[in-house]
Amino acid sequence: MSIVEHVVLFKVKDDTDQAKVNMMLNGLNGLVSLDPVVHLTAGPVFRTRSPISNFTHMLHSRYKSKEDLNSYSAHPDHLRVVKENVLPICDDIMAVDWVADNDPLPLSLPCNSAIKVTFLKLKENVNDEVQGEILGVIKGIKDNVSGIQQITCGENFSPARARGFSIASVAVFNGVNEMEGSEQNEEYVNLQKQKVRDYLDGVIVVDYVVPSSSSSSSSNL
C-alpha cells in the first residue's frame, strides 16, 4: 500500500464570525464519510513555527492512492463545502500532497494526537541527488528523536497550490507533551538542519492537534 498524504493550510480572514469558522470545520470533517477517505481531520493550528506562515487552520487526510485523492477532490460534497464554507471566509489556502515513504499505522489518528507538518522549498539549483539526501535526513529523524510515533515524507506531486514547496513531512506524536518533549533532542535536530540549510529557499513548520470533534473512518483503524 502507498498511502497518500494530503495537507491543506488555511488562513481565515481576521474578522470572520466564529460560527462561520465552525461551519467550515464541520463541513470539512464531515468529508471523512466519503468512500475514498482513509483518515481526515480539520481544526485550528496549534502553533506556527515559521515567520513566513500565518495560517490559522489545517486539514490532514490520507488516501490509498492518487486516484482516490482525485476522486475526493472532485466529489460534489467536497466541492460544495469548499465553495460554500471555505472560500468565502479564507484569504489564503495552500496544499501539498505526497506519497508516504512508508505505511503509517494506524492510518487513522486518534483524538489529541499531535502533528508536526514541515514543508521545504528547495533552491533552483538543487539536483535529484541532493533531494534524496534531504529525504534521507528526514527519514532518520524518527530513530533519533524520542516520542515520534509515525513520520512520513515525500516529494509534492501537486504543484498548483504548493507555492514551490516540493518536499513535505508529517511527524505524529501521542500528544502535545510528547511533541514538546521531543525538543530535548535539539542538538541532533540542529545538526540535521545544518546539513540541509544551504539547499533551502523556505521552510514552513506547523503544529496541529487532532481535535476531539474530528471524525475518523473506524473501518480503517
N, C-alpha and C. Protein backbone atom coordinates (compact mmCIF):
# COMPACT_ATOMS: atom_id res chain seq x y z
N MET A 1 0.84 -1.19 0.00
CA MET A 1 0.00 0.00 0.00
C MET A 1 0.88 1.25 0.00
N SER A 2 0.53 2.23 -0.83
CA SER A 2 1.24 3.50 -0.86
C SER A 2 0.28 4.60 -0.42
N ILE A 3 0.38 4.98 0.83
CA ILE A 3 -0.53 5.97 1.39
C ILE A 3 -0.18 7.37 0.86
N VAL A 4 -1.20 8.10 0.46
CA VAL A 4 -1.04 9.47 0.00
C VAL A 4 -1.42 10.41 1.14
N GLU A 5 -0.51 11.32 1.47
CA GLU A 5 -0.76 12.34 2.49
C GLU A 5 -1.24 13.62 1.79
N HIS A 6 -2.27 14.25 2.35
CA HIS A 6 -2.84 15.48 1.80
C HIS A 6 -2.98 16.48 2.94
N VAL A 7 -2.25 17.58 2.87
CA VAL A 7 -2.31 18.61 3.90
C VAL A 7 -2.70 19.93 3.26
N VAL A 8 -3.71 20.57 3.84
CA VAL A 8 -4.16 21.89 3.37
C VAL A 8 -4.06 22.86 4.54
N LEU A 9 -3.45 24.02 4.30
CA LEU A 9 -3.37 25.08 5.30
C LEU A 9 -4.27 26.23 4.87
N PHE A 10 -5.03 26.77 5.83
CA PHE A 10 -5.99 27.83 5.57
C PHE A 10 -5.66 29.06 6.41
N LYS A 11 -5.83 30.23 5.82
CA LYS A 11 -5.77 31.49 6.58
C LYS A 11 -7.17 32.08 6.56
N VAL A 12 -7.86 31.97 7.71
CA VAL A 12 -9.20 32.54 7.83
C VAL A 12 -9.09 34.05 8.02
N LYS A 13 -9.97 34.80 7.36
CA LYS A 13 -9.97 36.25 7.48
C LYS A 13 -10.15 36.67 8.94
N ASP A 14 -9.44 37.72 9.31
CA ASP A 14 -9.39 38.13 10.72
C ASP A 14 -10.75 38.45 11.31
N ASP A 15 -11.66 39.00 10.54
CA ASP A 15 -12.94 39.45 11.08
C ASP A 15 -14.05 38.41 10.93
N THR A 16 -13.69 37.16 10.69
CA THR A 16 -14.69 36.12 10.44
C THR A 16 -15.41 35.73 11.73
N ASP A 17 -16.72 35.63 11.66
CA ASP A 17 -17.51 35.18 12.80
C ASP A 17 -17.18 33.73 13.12
N GLN A 18 -17.06 33.40 14.40
CA GLN A 18 -16.68 32.05 14.80
C GLN A 18 -17.67 31.00 14.32
N ALA A 19 -18.93 31.38 14.21
CA ALA A 19 -19.95 30.44 13.73
C ALA A 19 -19.64 29.98 12.31
N LYS A 20 -19.12 30.89 11.49
CA LYS A 20 -18.77 30.53 10.11
C LYS A 20 -17.53 29.64 10.08
N VAL A 21 -16.60 29.91 11.00
CA VAL A 21 -15.42 29.04 11.10
C VAL A 21 -15.85 27.63 11.49
N ASN A 22 -16.76 27.54 12.45
CA ASN A 22 -17.25 26.24 12.89
C ASN A 22 -17.96 25.50 11.75
N MET A 23 -18.70 26.25 10.95
CA MET A 23 -19.38 25.63 9.79
C MET A 23 -18.36 25.08 8.81
N MET A 24 -17.27 25.82 8.60
CA MET A 24 -16.22 25.33 7.70
C MET A 24 -15.61 24.03 8.23
N LEU A 25 -15.26 24.02 9.52
CA LEU A 25 -14.61 22.84 10.10
C LEU A 25 -15.57 21.66 10.14
N ASN A 26 -16.84 21.91 10.47
CA ASN A 26 -17.82 20.82 10.49
C ASN A 26 -18.00 20.25 9.09
N GLY A 27 -18.03 21.14 8.10
CA GLY A 27 -18.17 20.67 6.71
C GLY A 27 -16.98 19.85 6.26
N LEU A 28 -15.78 20.33 6.58
CA LEU A 28 -14.58 19.60 6.20
C LEU A 28 -14.50 18.25 6.92
N ASN A 29 -14.73 18.24 8.22
CA ASN A 29 -14.65 16.99 8.97
C ASN A 29 -15.71 15.99 8.52
N GLY A 30 -16.83 16.48 8.03
CA GLY A 30 -17.87 15.58 7.55
C GLY A 30 -17.47 14.82 6.30
N LEU A 31 -16.43 15.30 5.59
CA LEU A 31 -15.99 14.64 4.37
C LEU A 31 -15.30 13.31 4.65
N VAL A 32 -15.04 13.02 5.92
CA VAL A 32 -14.43 11.73 6.26
C VAL A 32 -15.33 10.56 5.85
N SER A 33 -16.61 10.83 5.67
CA SER A 33 -17.54 9.76 5.31
C SER A 33 -17.46 9.37 3.83
N LEU A 34 -16.75 10.15 3.03
CA LEU A 34 -16.63 9.83 1.61
C LEU A 34 -15.77 8.57 1.42
N ASP A 35 -16.15 7.74 0.48
CA ASP A 35 -15.50 6.44 0.29
C ASP A 35 -13.99 6.50 0.10
N PRO A 36 -13.45 7.47 -0.66
CA PRO A 36 -12.01 7.45 -0.89
C PRO A 36 -11.17 7.79 0.34
N VAL A 37 -11.79 8.34 1.38
CA VAL A 37 -11.04 8.88 2.52
C VAL A 37 -10.70 7.79 3.53
N VAL A 38 -9.42 7.67 3.86
CA VAL A 38 -8.97 6.75 4.90
C VAL A 38 -8.97 7.45 6.26
N HIS A 39 -8.53 8.70 6.26
CA HIS A 39 -8.46 9.48 7.50
C HIS A 39 -8.60 10.95 7.15
N LEU A 40 -9.30 11.70 7.99
CA LEU A 40 -9.43 13.13 7.76
C LEU A 40 -9.67 13.84 9.08
N THR A 41 -8.95 14.92 9.29
CA THR A 41 -9.15 15.76 10.45
C THR A 41 -8.91 17.21 10.05
N ALA A 42 -9.72 18.11 10.57
CA ALA A 42 -9.57 19.53 10.30
C ALA A 42 -9.83 20.31 11.58
N GLY A 43 -9.02 21.34 11.82
CA GLY A 43 -9.18 22.13 13.03
C GLY A 43 -8.21 23.29 13.06
N PRO A 44 -8.17 24.02 14.16
CA PRO A 44 -7.26 25.16 14.27
C PRO A 44 -5.81 24.73 14.40
N VAL A 45 -4.92 25.55 13.87
CA VAL A 45 -3.48 25.32 14.04
C VAL A 45 -3.12 25.54 15.51
N PHE A 46 -2.32 24.64 16.06
CA PHE A 46 -1.89 24.76 17.45
C PHE A 46 -0.77 25.78 17.59
N ARG A 47 0.16 25.76 16.63
CA ARG A 47 1.30 26.68 16.71
C ARG A 47 1.98 26.73 15.34
N THR A 48 2.36 27.94 14.94
CA THR A 48 3.12 28.13 13.71
C THR A 48 4.54 28.51 14.09
N ARG A 49 5.51 27.79 13.52
CA ARG A 49 6.91 28.00 13.89
C ARG A 49 7.69 28.72 12.80
N SER A 50 6.99 29.28 11.82
CA SER A 50 7.68 29.91 10.70
C SER A 50 7.19 31.34 10.52
N PRO A 51 8.10 32.29 10.42
CA PRO A 51 7.70 33.69 10.26
C PRO A 51 6.98 33.97 8.94
N ILE A 52 7.20 33.11 7.93
CA ILE A 52 6.55 33.35 6.64
C ILE A 52 5.15 32.75 6.59
N SER A 53 4.72 32.13 7.67
CA SER A 53 3.42 31.45 7.68
C SER A 53 2.48 32.12 8.68
N ASN A 54 1.26 32.41 8.23
CA ASN A 54 0.25 32.96 9.13
C ASN A 54 -1.05 32.17 9.04
N PHE A 55 -0.94 30.89 8.74
CA PHE A 55 -2.13 30.05 8.59
C PHE A 55 -2.79 29.81 9.95
N THR A 56 -4.11 29.72 9.91
CA THR A 56 -4.89 29.59 11.14
C THR A 56 -5.50 28.21 11.34
N HIS A 57 -5.69 27.46 10.25
CA HIS A 57 -6.37 26.16 10.34
C HIS A 57 -5.69 25.17 9.39
N MET A 58 -5.91 23.89 9.65
CA MET A 58 -5.26 22.85 8.86
C MET A 58 -6.19 21.66 8.65
N LEU A 59 -6.05 21.03 7.51
CA LEU A 59 -6.71 19.76 7.21
C LEU A 59 -5.63 18.74 6.86
N HIS A 60 -5.73 17.56 7.45
CA HIS A 60 -4.82 16.46 7.13
C HIS A 60 -5.68 15.25 6.79
N SER A 61 -5.45 14.67 5.62
CA SER A 61 -6.20 13.47 5.25
C SER A 61 -5.29 12.49 4.52
N ARG A 62 -5.76 11.24 4.46
CA ARG A 62 -4.98 10.15 3.86
C ARG A 62 -5.83 9.34 2.90
N TYR A 63 -5.17 8.81 1.86
CA TYR A 63 -5.84 8.05 0.81
C TYR A 63 -4.94 6.88 0.41
N LYS A 64 -5.54 5.87 -0.20
CA LYS A 64 -4.78 4.69 -0.57
C LYS A 64 -4.12 4.82 -1.94
N SER A 65 -4.43 5.90 -2.66
CA SER A 65 -3.83 6.10 -3.98
C SER A 65 -4.06 7.54 -4.43
N LYS A 66 -3.31 7.96 -5.44
CA LYS A 66 -3.53 9.28 -6.03
C LYS A 66 -4.92 9.36 -6.65
N GLU A 67 -5.36 8.22 -7.20
CA GLU A 67 -6.69 8.20 -7.82
C GLU A 67 -7.78 8.46 -6.78
N ASP A 68 -7.61 7.90 -5.58
CA ASP A 68 -8.59 8.14 -4.52
C ASP A 68 -8.58 9.60 -4.09
N LEU A 69 -7.40 10.22 -4.04
CA LEU A 69 -7.32 11.64 -3.71
C LEU A 69 -8.04 12.47 -4.78
N ASN A 70 -7.84 12.11 -6.03
CA ASN A 70 -8.52 12.82 -7.12
C ASN A 70 -10.04 12.66 -7.02
N SER A 71 -10.48 11.46 -6.65
CA SER A 71 -11.91 11.22 -6.51
C SER A 71 -12.50 12.08 -5.38
N TYR A 72 -11.75 12.17 -4.29
CA TYR A 72 -12.17 13.02 -3.17
C TYR A 72 -12.24 14.48 -3.61
N SER A 73 -11.22 14.94 -4.31
CA SER A 73 -11.15 16.34 -4.72
C SER A 73 -12.31 16.71 -5.65
N ALA A 74 -12.71 15.76 -6.50
CA ALA A 74 -13.76 16.03 -7.48
C ALA A 74 -15.16 15.70 -6.98
N HIS A 75 -15.26 15.16 -5.77
CA HIS A 75 -16.57 14.74 -5.24
C HIS A 75 -17.47 15.97 -5.04
N PRO A 76 -18.74 15.88 -5.42
CA PRO A 76 -19.65 17.02 -5.26
C PRO A 76 -19.73 17.54 -3.83
N ASP A 77 -19.68 16.67 -2.84
CA ASP A 77 -19.75 17.12 -1.45
C ASP A 77 -18.53 17.96 -1.08
N HIS A 78 -17.36 17.53 -1.56
CA HIS A 78 -16.13 18.29 -1.30
C HIS A 78 -16.20 19.65 -1.99
N LEU A 79 -16.61 19.67 -3.24
CA LEU A 79 -16.70 20.92 -3.98
C LEU A 79 -17.70 21.87 -3.33
N ARG A 80 -18.79 21.32 -2.80
CA ARG A 80 -19.81 22.16 -2.16
C ARG A 80 -19.26 22.81 -0.89
N VAL A 81 -18.56 22.02 -0.05
CA VAL A 81 -18.01 22.56 1.19
C VAL A 81 -16.99 23.66 0.88
N VAL A 82 -16.15 23.41 -0.12
CA VAL A 82 -15.14 24.41 -0.48
C VAL A 82 -15.81 25.69 -0.95
N LYS A 83 -16.81 25.57 -1.81
CA LYS A 83 -17.48 26.74 -2.38
C LYS A 83 -18.29 27.51 -1.33
N GLU A 84 -19.03 26.78 -0.48
CA GLU A 84 -19.97 27.43 0.43
C GLU A 84 -19.34 27.83 1.76
N ASN A 85 -18.37 27.02 2.26
CA ASN A 85 -17.89 27.22 3.62
C ASN A 85 -16.43 27.65 3.74
N VAL A 86 -15.61 27.32 2.73
CA VAL A 86 -14.18 27.60 2.81
C VAL A 86 -13.81 28.91 2.11
N LEU A 87 -14.07 28.99 0.83
CA LEU A 87 -13.63 30.14 0.04
C LEU A 87 -14.18 31.48 0.55
N PRO A 88 -15.43 31.54 1.00
CA PRO A 88 -15.95 32.84 1.45
C PRO A 88 -15.25 33.42 2.67
N ILE A 89 -14.59 32.58 3.49
CA ILE A 89 -14.01 33.11 4.74
C ILE A 89 -12.48 33.00 4.77
N CYS A 90 -11.87 32.49 3.72
CA CYS A 90 -10.41 32.32 3.70
C CYS A 90 -9.77 33.26 2.68
N ASP A 91 -8.68 33.89 3.07
CA ASP A 91 -7.96 34.72 2.10
C ASP A 91 -6.62 34.11 1.71
N ASP A 92 -6.36 32.89 2.16
CA ASP A 92 -5.13 32.20 1.76
C ASP A 92 -5.30 30.70 1.98
N ILE A 93 -4.93 29.91 0.98
CA ILE A 93 -5.02 28.45 1.06
C ILE A 93 -3.78 27.86 0.38
N MET A 94 -3.19 26.87 1.01
CA MET A 94 -2.01 26.20 0.46
C MET A 94 -2.18 24.69 0.66
N ALA A 95 -1.82 23.91 -0.34
CA ALA A 95 -1.98 22.45 -0.24
C ALA A 95 -0.75 21.74 -0.77
N VAL A 96 -0.38 20.65 -0.10
CA VAL A 96 0.76 19.83 -0.51
C VAL A 96 0.36 18.37 -0.43
N ASP A 97 0.72 17.59 -1.43
CA ASP A 97 0.39 16.16 -1.49
C ASP A 97 1.65 15.36 -1.74
N TRP A 98 1.79 14.23 -1.05
CA TRP A 98 2.94 13.37 -1.31
C TRP A 98 2.61 11.92 -0.99
N VAL A 99 3.33 11.03 -1.64
CA VAL A 99 3.20 9.59 -1.38
C VAL A 99 4.12 9.26 -0.21
N ALA A 100 3.56 8.72 0.85
CA ALA A 100 4.35 8.40 2.04
C ALA A 100 5.42 7.38 1.71
N ASP A 101 6.59 7.55 2.34
CA ASP A 101 7.69 6.63 2.10
C ASP A 101 7.52 5.33 2.87
N ASN A 102 6.49 5.25 3.71
CA ASN A 102 6.18 4.01 4.44
C ASN A 102 4.69 3.99 4.69
N ASP A 103 4.18 2.88 5.23
CA ASP A 103 2.77 2.78 5.54
C ASP A 103 2.56 3.13 7.01
N PRO A 104 2.15 4.37 7.31
CA PRO A 104 1.99 4.77 8.71
C PRO A 104 0.81 4.08 9.36
N LEU A 105 1.05 3.49 10.52
CA LEU A 105 -0.02 2.80 11.24
C LEU A 105 -0.10 3.30 12.67
N PRO A 106 -1.32 3.52 13.18
CA PRO A 106 -2.59 3.39 12.47
C PRO A 106 -2.76 4.50 11.43
N LEU A 107 -3.53 4.18 10.37
CA LEU A 107 -3.75 5.18 9.33
C LEU A 107 -4.63 6.31 9.83
N SER A 108 -5.58 5.97 10.70
CA SER A 108 -6.48 6.97 11.25
C SER A 108 -5.99 7.37 12.63
N LEU A 109 -5.72 8.65 12.82
CA LEU A 109 -5.06 9.12 14.05
C LEU A 109 -6.07 9.42 15.14
N PRO A 110 -5.79 9.01 16.38
CA PRO A 110 -6.71 9.25 17.50
C PRO A 110 -6.81 10.73 17.85
N CYS A 111 -7.90 11.09 18.50
CA CYS A 111 -8.06 12.45 19.01
C CYS A 111 -6.89 12.79 19.94
N ASN A 112 -6.51 14.05 19.93
CA ASN A 112 -5.43 14.60 20.75
C ASN A 112 -4.04 14.21 20.29
N SER A 113 -3.94 13.46 19.18
CA SER A 113 -2.62 13.24 18.58
C SER A 113 -2.05 14.58 18.14
N ALA A 114 -0.75 14.76 18.31
CA ALA A 114 -0.10 16.00 17.88
C ALA A 114 0.66 15.74 16.58
N ILE A 115 0.55 16.67 15.65
CA ILE A 115 1.14 16.52 14.33
C ILE A 115 2.05 17.71 14.04
N LYS A 116 3.25 17.43 13.57
CA LYS A 116 4.16 18.47 13.11
C LYS A 116 4.34 18.33 11.60
N VAL A 117 3.88 19.33 10.88
CA VAL A 117 3.98 19.33 9.42
C VAL A 117 5.12 20.25 9.00
N THR A 118 5.97 19.77 8.10
CA THR A 118 7.09 20.57 7.61
C THR A 118 7.08 20.58 6.08
N PHE A 119 7.13 21.78 5.51
CA PHE A 119 7.23 21.95 4.06
C PHE A 119 8.57 22.62 3.76
N LEU A 120 9.28 22.11 2.76
CA LEU A 120 10.57 22.67 2.36
C LEU A 120 10.52 23.14 0.92
N LYS A 121 11.01 24.36 0.69
CA LYS A 121 11.17 24.88 -0.66
C LYS A 121 12.65 24.86 -0.98
N LEU A 122 13.03 24.14 -2.03
CA LEU A 122 14.43 23.99 -2.38
C LEU A 122 14.88 25.08 -3.36
N LYS A 123 16.16 25.41 -3.29
CA LYS A 123 16.73 26.36 -4.24
C LYS A 123 16.72 25.76 -5.64
N GLU A 124 16.74 26.61 -6.64
CA GLU A 124 16.56 26.15 -8.02
C GLU A 124 17.66 25.22 -8.50
N ASN A 125 18.86 25.33 -7.95
CA ASN A 125 19.97 24.53 -8.45
C ASN A 125 20.12 23.19 -7.75
N VAL A 126 19.17 22.82 -6.91
CA VAL A 126 19.26 21.57 -6.18
C VAL A 126 18.90 20.40 -7.10
N ASN A 127 19.79 19.41 -7.19
CA ASN A 127 19.54 18.28 -8.08
C ASN A 127 18.86 17.12 -7.35
N ASP A 128 18.55 16.07 -8.11
CA ASP A 128 17.82 14.93 -7.55
C ASP A 128 18.62 14.22 -6.46
N GLU A 129 19.92 14.17 -6.61
CA GLU A 129 20.75 13.50 -5.61
C GLU A 129 20.65 14.21 -4.25
N VAL A 130 20.69 15.53 -4.28
CA VAL A 130 20.57 16.29 -3.04
C VAL A 130 19.17 16.14 -2.45
N GLN A 131 18.15 16.14 -3.30
CA GLN A 131 16.79 15.90 -2.80
C GLN A 131 16.72 14.58 -2.07
N GLY A 132 17.38 13.57 -2.62
CA GLY A 132 17.41 12.27 -1.96
C GLY A 132 18.10 12.32 -0.61
N GLU A 133 19.17 13.10 -0.53
CA GLU A 133 19.87 13.26 0.75
C GLU A 133 18.98 13.94 1.79
N ILE A 134 18.23 14.95 1.36
CA ILE A 134 17.34 15.66 2.27
C ILE A 134 16.24 14.73 2.78
N LEU A 135 15.67 13.94 1.90
CA LEU A 135 14.65 12.97 2.31
C LEU A 135 15.25 11.95 3.29
N GLY A 136 16.50 11.57 3.06
CA GLY A 136 17.17 10.64 3.96
C GLY A 136 17.35 11.22 5.35
N VAL A 137 17.66 12.51 5.43
CA VAL A 137 17.80 13.18 6.72
C VAL A 137 16.47 13.14 7.47
N ILE A 138 15.38 13.42 6.76
CA ILE A 138 14.05 13.42 7.40
C ILE A 138 13.70 12.02 7.89
N LYS A 139 13.97 11.02 7.09
CA LYS A 139 13.63 9.64 7.47
C LYS A 139 14.41 9.21 8.71
N GLY A 140 15.62 9.73 8.87
CA GLY A 140 16.44 9.33 10.01
C GLY A 140 16.02 9.96 11.32
N ILE A 141 15.16 10.97 11.26
CA ILE A 141 14.76 11.67 12.49
C ILE A 141 14.01 10.75 13.44
N LYS A 142 13.15 9.88 12.91
CA LYS A 142 12.32 9.03 13.78
C LYS A 142 13.17 8.17 14.71
N ASP A 143 14.30 7.68 14.22
CA ASP A 143 15.14 6.81 15.02
C ASP A 143 15.98 7.56 16.05
N ASN A 144 16.04 8.88 15.92
CA ASN A 144 16.92 9.65 16.78
C ASN A 144 16.22 10.71 17.62
N VAL A 145 14.90 10.87 17.42
CA VAL A 145 14.12 11.84 18.19
C VAL A 145 13.02 11.07 18.93
N SER A 146 13.02 11.17 20.24
CA SER A 146 12.06 10.41 21.05
C SER A 146 10.65 10.96 20.89
N GLY A 147 9.68 10.07 21.03
CA GLY A 147 8.28 10.47 21.05
C GLY A 147 7.56 10.40 19.73
N ILE A 148 8.28 10.25 18.62
CA ILE A 148 7.62 10.19 17.32
C ILE A 148 7.02 8.81 17.10
N GLN A 149 5.71 8.77 16.88
CA GLN A 149 5.02 7.51 16.62
C GLN A 149 5.04 7.16 15.13
N GLN A 150 4.93 8.18 14.30
CA GLN A 150 4.95 8.00 12.86
C GLN A 150 5.70 9.18 12.24
N ILE A 151 6.34 8.93 11.12
CA ILE A 151 6.85 10.03 10.30
C ILE A 151 6.85 9.57 8.85
N THR A 152 6.29 10.39 7.99
CA THR A 152 6.35 10.11 6.55
C THR A 152 6.90 11.34 5.86
N CYS A 153 7.50 11.12 4.70
CA CYS A 153 8.00 12.24 3.91
C CYS A 153 7.94 11.86 2.44
N GLY A 154 8.02 12.87 1.59
CA GLY A 154 7.99 12.62 0.17
C GLY A 154 8.01 13.91 -0.62
N GLU A 155 8.02 13.77 -1.94
CA GLU A 155 8.04 14.92 -2.83
C GLU A 155 6.61 15.27 -3.25
N ASN A 156 6.29 16.56 -3.19
CA ASN A 156 4.96 17.02 -3.58
C ASN A 156 4.69 16.70 -5.06
N PHE A 157 3.48 16.19 -5.33
CA PHE A 157 3.13 15.88 -6.72
C PHE A 157 1.98 16.75 -7.23
N SER A 158 1.57 17.75 -6.44
CA SER A 158 0.51 18.67 -6.87
C SER A 158 1.01 20.11 -6.75
N PRO A 159 1.76 20.58 -7.75
CA PRO A 159 2.44 21.87 -7.61
C PRO A 159 1.54 23.10 -7.66
N ALA A 160 0.31 22.97 -8.12
CA ALA A 160 -0.52 24.14 -8.38
C ALA A 160 -0.71 25.02 -7.16
N ARG A 161 -0.91 24.40 -5.98
CA ARG A 161 -1.20 25.19 -4.77
C ARG A 161 -0.10 25.08 -3.72
N ALA A 162 1.08 24.60 -4.12
CA ALA A 162 2.14 24.34 -3.14
C ALA A 162 3.17 25.46 -3.06
N ARG A 163 3.07 26.46 -3.93
CA ARG A 163 3.94 27.65 -3.89
C ARG A 163 5.42 27.33 -3.97
N GLY A 164 5.76 26.26 -4.68
CA GLY A 164 7.16 25.91 -4.84
C GLY A 164 7.74 25.05 -3.73
N PHE A 165 6.94 24.73 -2.72
CA PHE A 165 7.41 23.82 -1.66
C PHE A 165 7.30 22.40 -2.20
N SER A 166 8.44 21.72 -2.29
CA SER A 166 8.48 20.46 -3.03
C SER A 166 8.73 19.23 -2.16
N ILE A 167 9.14 19.42 -0.92
CA ILE A 167 9.34 18.29 -0.02
C ILE A 167 8.51 18.51 1.25
N ALA A 168 7.84 17.46 1.70
CA ALA A 168 6.96 17.60 2.86
C ALA A 168 7.13 16.41 3.78
N SER A 169 6.83 16.64 5.05
CA SER A 169 6.83 15.54 6.02
C SER A 169 5.78 15.81 7.08
N VAL A 170 5.30 14.73 7.67
CA VAL A 170 4.38 14.83 8.80
C VAL A 170 4.88 13.88 9.87
N ALA A 171 5.09 14.41 11.08
CA ALA A 171 5.50 13.61 12.22
C ALA A 171 4.35 13.58 13.22
N VAL A 172 4.04 12.40 13.73
CA VAL A 172 2.89 12.22 14.62
C VAL A 172 3.37 11.81 16.01
N PHE A 173 2.81 12.48 17.02
CA PHE A 173 3.12 12.18 18.41
C PHE A 173 1.82 11.82 19.13
N ASN A 174 1.93 11.13 20.27
CA ASN A 174 0.73 10.77 21.03
C ASN A 174 -0.01 12.00 21.53
N GLY A 175 0.71 13.08 21.79
CA GLY A 175 0.08 14.28 22.29
C GLY A 175 1.05 15.44 22.31
N VAL A 176 0.58 16.59 22.79
CA VAL A 176 1.40 17.80 22.82
C VAL A 176 2.62 17.61 23.71
N ASN A 177 2.45 16.95 24.87
CA ASN A 177 3.59 16.76 25.78
C ASN A 177 4.71 16.00 25.10
N GLU A 178 4.35 14.96 24.35
CA GLU A 178 5.36 14.17 23.65
C GLU A 178 6.02 14.99 22.54
N MET A 179 5.22 15.80 21.85
CA MET A 179 5.78 16.64 20.79
C MET A 179 6.76 17.66 21.36
N GLU A 180 6.38 18.29 22.47
CA GLU A 180 7.28 19.27 23.08
C GLU A 180 8.48 18.60 23.73
N GLY A 181 8.28 17.38 24.24
CA GLY A 181 9.39 16.64 24.83
C GLY A 181 10.45 16.27 23.82
N SER A 182 10.02 16.13 22.56
CA SER A 182 10.97 15.76 21.51
C SER A 182 11.99 16.87 21.27
N GLU A 183 11.67 18.08 21.72
CA GLU A 183 12.59 19.20 21.52
C GLU A 183 13.82 19.08 22.41
N GLN A 184 13.82 18.11 23.32
CA GLN A 184 15.01 17.85 24.11
C GLN A 184 16.15 17.32 23.24
N ASN A 185 15.79 16.83 22.05
CA ASN A 185 16.79 16.36 21.09
C ASN A 185 17.28 17.50 20.22
N GLU A 186 17.29 18.71 20.77
CA GLU A 186 17.59 19.91 19.99
C GLU A 186 18.95 19.84 19.30
N GLU A 187 19.94 19.29 19.98
CA GLU A 187 21.29 19.24 19.40
C GLU A 187 21.29 18.40 18.12
N TYR A 188 20.62 17.24 18.17
CA TYR A 188 20.56 16.38 16.99
C TYR A 188 19.80 17.07 15.86
N VAL A 189 18.65 17.66 16.19
CA VAL A 189 17.82 18.31 15.17
C VAL A 189 18.57 19.46 14.52
N ASN A 190 19.26 20.25 15.31
CA ASN A 190 20.03 21.37 14.75
C ASN A 190 21.13 20.89 13.82
N LEU A 191 21.73 19.75 14.17
CA LEU A 191 22.76 19.18 13.30
C LEU A 191 22.18 18.79 11.95
N GLN A 192 20.98 18.20 11.98
CA GLN A 192 20.33 17.81 10.73
C GLN A 192 19.95 19.04 9.90
N LYS A 193 19.49 20.10 10.59
CA LYS A 193 19.15 21.33 9.89
C LYS A 193 20.36 21.91 9.16
N GLN A 194 21.52 21.84 9.81
CA GLN A 194 22.74 22.37 9.20
C GLN A 194 23.08 21.63 7.91
N LYS A 195 22.75 20.35 7.86
CA LYS A 195 23.06 19.55 6.68
C LYS A 195 22.29 20.01 5.45
N VAL A 196 21.09 20.55 5.67
CA VAL A 196 20.21 20.87 4.53
C VAL A 196 19.99 22.37 4.35
N ARG A 197 20.41 23.19 5.30
CA ARG A 197 20.08 24.62 5.28
C ARG A 197 20.52 25.31 3.99
N ASP A 198 21.69 24.97 3.48
CA ASP A 198 22.22 25.66 2.30
C ASP A 198 21.42 25.37 1.04
N TYR A 199 20.58 24.34 1.08
CA TYR A 199 19.80 23.96 -0.10
C TYR A 199 18.38 24.52 -0.07
N LEU A 200 18.02 25.22 1.01
CA LEU A 200 16.63 25.62 1.20
C LEU A 200 16.41 27.08 0.86
N ASP A 201 15.23 27.32 0.29
CA ASP A 201 14.81 28.68 -0.04
C ASP A 201 13.61 29.09 0.81
N GLY A 202 13.11 28.18 1.65
CA GLY A 202 11.98 28.49 2.51
C GLY A 202 11.55 27.27 3.30
N VAL A 203 11.03 27.52 4.51
CA VAL A 203 10.56 26.44 5.39
C VAL A 203 9.27 26.87 6.06
N ILE A 204 8.29 25.97 6.09
CA ILE A 204 7.07 26.19 6.86
C ILE A 204 6.92 25.02 7.83
N VAL A 205 6.76 25.32 9.10
CA VAL A 205 6.53 24.29 10.12
C VAL A 205 5.28 24.66 10.90
N VAL A 206 4.33 23.74 10.94
CA VAL A 206 3.05 23.98 11.63
C VAL A 206 2.77 22.82 12.56
N ASP A 207 2.41 23.14 13.81
CA ASP A 207 1.98 22.13 14.77
C ASP A 207 0.46 22.12 14.85
N TYR A 208 -0.10 20.92 14.97
CA TYR A 208 -1.56 20.75 14.93
C TYR A 208 -1.93 19.64 15.90
N VAL A 209 -3.09 19.77 16.53
CA VAL A 209 -3.59 18.73 17.43
C VAL A 209 -4.93 18.25 16.91
N VAL A 210 -5.08 16.93 16.76
CA VAL A 210 -6.34 16.37 16.27
C VAL A 210 -7.43 16.65 17.30
N PRO A 211 -8.44 17.45 16.94
CA PRO A 211 -9.47 17.82 17.92
C PRO A 211 -10.39 16.67 18.25
N SER A 212 -10.99 16.74 19.42
CA SER A 212 -11.89 15.66 19.85
C SER A 212 -13.13 15.58 18.99
N SER A 213 -13.45 16.66 18.29
CA SER A 213 -14.65 16.67 17.45
C SER A 213 -14.38 16.07 16.08
N SER A 214 -13.09 15.80 15.77
CA SER A 214 -12.77 15.21 14.47
C SER A 214 -13.29 13.80 14.38
N SER A 215 -13.68 13.42 13.19
CA SER A 215 -14.14 12.06 12.94
C SER A 215 -13.08 11.30 12.17
N SER A 216 -13.07 10.01 12.34
CA SER A 216 -12.17 9.16 11.58
C SER A 216 -12.94 7.96 11.09
N SER A 217 -12.48 7.39 10.01
CA SER A 217 -13.14 6.22 9.44
C SER A 217 -12.73 4.99 10.23
N SER A 218 -13.62 4.53 11.08
CA SER A 218 -13.28 3.45 12.02
C SER A 218 -12.91 2.16 11.31
N SER A 219 -13.40 1.99 10.07
CA SER A 219 -13.07 0.76 9.36
C SER A 219 -11.62 0.70 8.95
N ASN A 220 -10.94 1.85 9.05
CA ASN A 220 -9.52 1.88 8.63
C ASN A 220 -8.58 2.01 9.80
N LEU A 221 -9.06 1.86 11.01
CA LEU A 221 -8.18 1.96 12.18
C LEU A 221 -7.19 0.81 12.20
